[in-house]
Amino acid sequence: MGELASLPNIGKDTEEKLNKVGITTAAELRETGSKKAWLMIRSIDDTACLHRLYGLEGAVLGVKKSALSPETKKDLTEFFSSFS
């Protein structure tokens, strides 16, 4: 596993998908942002779920997804719902 797997919430599968869409470092993920990264993953995996979006946001912020604030989760849920 590479650099991305050292981030919270990023396992082997998510790291592989991020690599496939051209995101290979933590800096690239932070620069891209969770929403855009999720959309990029969704373009190759239509099963990309809300929990993956939460995980990406947590990785960007350096926290477990369970530590995301209610406001952040609400924002991400609304974003996710606009694509469902």
C-alpha atoms as a PDB file:
ATOM      1  CA  MET A   1       0.000   0.000   0.000  1.00  0.00           C
ATOM      2  CA  GLY A   2       1.111   3.535  -0.697  1.00  0.00           C
ATOM      3  CA  GLU A   3       1.054   6.936   0.898  1.00  0.00           C
ATOM      4  CA  LEU A   4      -2.717   7.366   0.735  1.00  0.00           C
ATOM      5  CA  ALA A   5      -3.317   4.284   2.885  1.00  0.00           C
ATOM      6  CA  SER A   6      -1.547   6.046   5.748  1.00  0.00           C
ATOM      7  CA  LEU A   7      -4.431   8.532   5.906  1.00  0.00           C
ATOM      8  CA  PRO A   8      -7.471   7.914   8.114  1.00  0.00           C
ATOM      9  CA  ASN A   9     -10.304   6.038   6.373  1.00  0.00           C
ATOM     10  CA  ILE A  10      -8.245   5.093   3.311  1.00  0.00           C
ATOM     11  CA  GLY A  11      -7.952   1.360   2.825  1.00  0.00           C
ATOM     12  CA  LYS A  12      -6.555  -0.655  -0.043  1.00  0.00           C
ATOM     13  CA  ASP A  13      -9.698  -0.427  -2.198  1.00  0.00           C
ATOM     14  CA  THR A  14     -10.108   3.321  -1.857  1.00  0.00           C
ATOM     15  CA  GLU A  15      -6.406   3.879  -2.434  1.00  0.00           C
ATOM     16  CA  GLU A  16      -6.548   1.793  -5.628  1.00  0.00           C
ATOM     17  CA  LYS A  17      -9.525   3.769  -6.899  1.00  0.00           C
ATOM     18  CA  LEU A  18      -7.876   7.090  -6.083  1.00  0.00           C
ATOM     19  CA  ASN A  19      -4.750   5.941  -7.934  1.00  0.00           C
ATOM     20  CA  LYS A  20      -6.867   4.950 -10.961  1.00  0.00           C
ATOM     21  CA  VAL A  21      -8.285   8.469 -11.181  1.00  0.00           C
ATOM     22  CA  GLY A  22      -4.849  10.052 -10.852  1.00  0.00           C
ATOM     23  CA  ILE A  23      -4.692  10.885  -7.147  1.00  0.00           C
ATOM     24  CA  THR A  24      -1.589   9.245  -5.704  1.00  0.00           C
ATOM     25  CA  THR A  25      -0.508  11.428  -2.794  1.00  0.00           C
ATOM     26  CA  ALA A  26      -2.056  12.970   0.302  1.00  0.00           C
ATOM     27  CA  ALA A  27      -1.240  16.428  -1.059  1.00  0.00           C
ATOM     28  CA  GLU A  28      -3.099  15.656  -4.295  1.00  0.00           C
ATOM     29  CA  LEU A  29      -6.114  14.439  -2.332  1.00  0.00           C
ATOM     30  CA  ARG A  30      -6.154  17.576  -0.174  1.00  0.00           C
ATOM     31  CA  GLU A  31      -5.792  19.765  -3.267  1.00  0.00           C
ATOM     32  CA  THR A  32      -8.572  17.910  -5.082  1.00  0.00           C
ATOM     33  CA  GLY A  33     -10.925  17.862  -2.109  1.00  0.00           C
ATOM     34  CA  SER A  34     -13.279  15.148  -1.009  1.00  0.00           C
ATOM     35  CA  LYS A  35     -16.206  16.046  -3.233  1.00  0.00           C
ATOM     36  CA  LYS A  36     -14.231  16.189  -6.467  1.00  0.00           C
ATOM     37  CA  ALA A  37     -12.272  13.058  -5.526  1.00  0.00           C
ATOM     38  CA  TRP A  38     -15.548  11.246  -4.832  1.00  0.00           C
ATOM     39  CA  LEU A  39     -16.935  12.336  -8.200  1.00  0.00           C
ATOM     40  CA  MET A  40     -13.784  11.085  -9.892  1.00  0.00           C
ATOM     41  CA  ILE A  41     -14.133   7.717  -8.144  1.00  0.00           C
ATOM     42  CA  ARG A  42     -17.826   7.595  -9.000  1.00  0.00           C
ATOM     43  CA  SER A  43     -16.924   7.994 -12.677  1.00  0.00           C
ATOM     44  CA  ILE A  44     -15.205   4.593 -12.515  1.00  0.00           C
ATOM     45  CA  ASP A  45     -17.311   3.001  -9.755  1.00  0.00           C
ATOM     46  CA  ASP A  46     -21.023   3.727  -9.697  1.00  0.00           C
ATOM     47  CA  THR A  47     -21.304   2.059  -6.279  1.00  0.00           C
ATOM     48  CA  ALA A  48     -19.371   4.916  -4.606  1.00  0.00           C
ATOM     49  CA  CYS A  49     -21.426   5.553  -1.479  1.00  0.00           C
ATOM     50  CA  LEU A  50     -21.969   8.271   1.089  1.00  0.00           C
ATOM     51  CA  HIS A  51     -19.641   6.558   3.546  1.00  0.00           C
ATOM     52  CA  ARG A  52     -16.833   6.695   0.994  1.00  0.00           C
ATOM     53  CA  LEU A  53     -17.460  10.443   0.675  1.00  0.00           C
ATOM     54  CA  TYR A  54     -17.344  10.778   4.479  1.00  0.00           C
ATOM     55  CA  GLY A  55     -14.118   8.783   4.497  1.00  0.00           C
ATOM     56  CA  LEU A  56     -12.529  10.988   1.868  1.00  0.00           C
ATOM     57  CA  GLU A  57     -13.466  14.126   3.796  1.00  0.00           C
ATOM     58  CA  GLY A  58     -12.015  12.637   6.946  1.00  0.00           C
ATOM     59  CA  ALA A  59      -8.814  11.770   5.079  1.00  0.00           C
ATOM     60  CA  VAL A  60      -8.544  15.335   3.796  1.00  0.00           C
ATOM     61  CA  LEU A  61      -9.006  16.661   7.331  1.00  0.00           C
ATOM     62  CA  GLY A  62      -6.851  13.980   8.950  1.00  0.00           C
ATOM     63  CA  VAL A  63      -9.629  12.526  11.134  1.00  0.00           C
ATOM     64  CA  LYS A  64     -11.741   9.384  11.266  1.00  0.00           C
ATOM     65  CA  LYS A  65     -15.045   9.815   9.464  1.00  0.00           C
ATOM     66  CA  SER A  66     -16.892   9.317  12.763  1.00  0.00           C
ATOM     67  CA  ALA A  67     -15.246  12.542  14.008  1.00  0.00           C
ATOM     68  CA  LEU A  68     -16.735  14.700  11.237  1.00  0.00           C
ATOM     69  CA  SER A  69     -18.989  17.434  12.561  1.00  0.00           C
ATOM     70  CA  PRO A  70     -22.753  17.175  12.102  1.00  0.00           C
ATOM     71  CA  GLU A  71     -22.593  20.240   9.834  1.00  0.00           C
ATOM     72  CA  THR A  72     -19.957  18.618   7.619  1.00  0.00           C
ATOM     73  CA  LYS A  73     -21.955  15.390   7.430  1.00  0.00           C
ATOM     74  CA  LYS A  74     -25.086  17.352   6.531  1.00  0.00           C
ATOM     75  CA  ASP A  75     -23.236  19.193   3.752  1.00  0.00           C
ATOM     76  CA  LEU A  76     -21.779  15.969   2.382  1.00  0.00           C
ATOM     77  CA  THR A  77     -25.146  14.199   2.592  1.00  0.00           C
ATOM     78  CA  GLU A  78     -26.814  16.987   0.610  1.00  0.00           C
ATOM     79  CA  PHE A  79     -24.021  16.845  -1.972  1.00  0.00           C
ATOM     80  CA  PHE A  80     -24.332  13.046  -2.234  1.00  0.00           C
ATOM     81  CA  SER A  81     -28.127  13.239  -2.513  1.00  0.00           C
ATOM     82  CA  SER A  82     -27.868  15.543  -5.506  1.00  0.00           C
ATOM     83  CA  PHE A  83     -26.282  12.627  -7.416  1.00  0.00           C
ATOM     84  CA  SER A  84     -28.618   9.849  -6.249  1.00  0.00           C
END
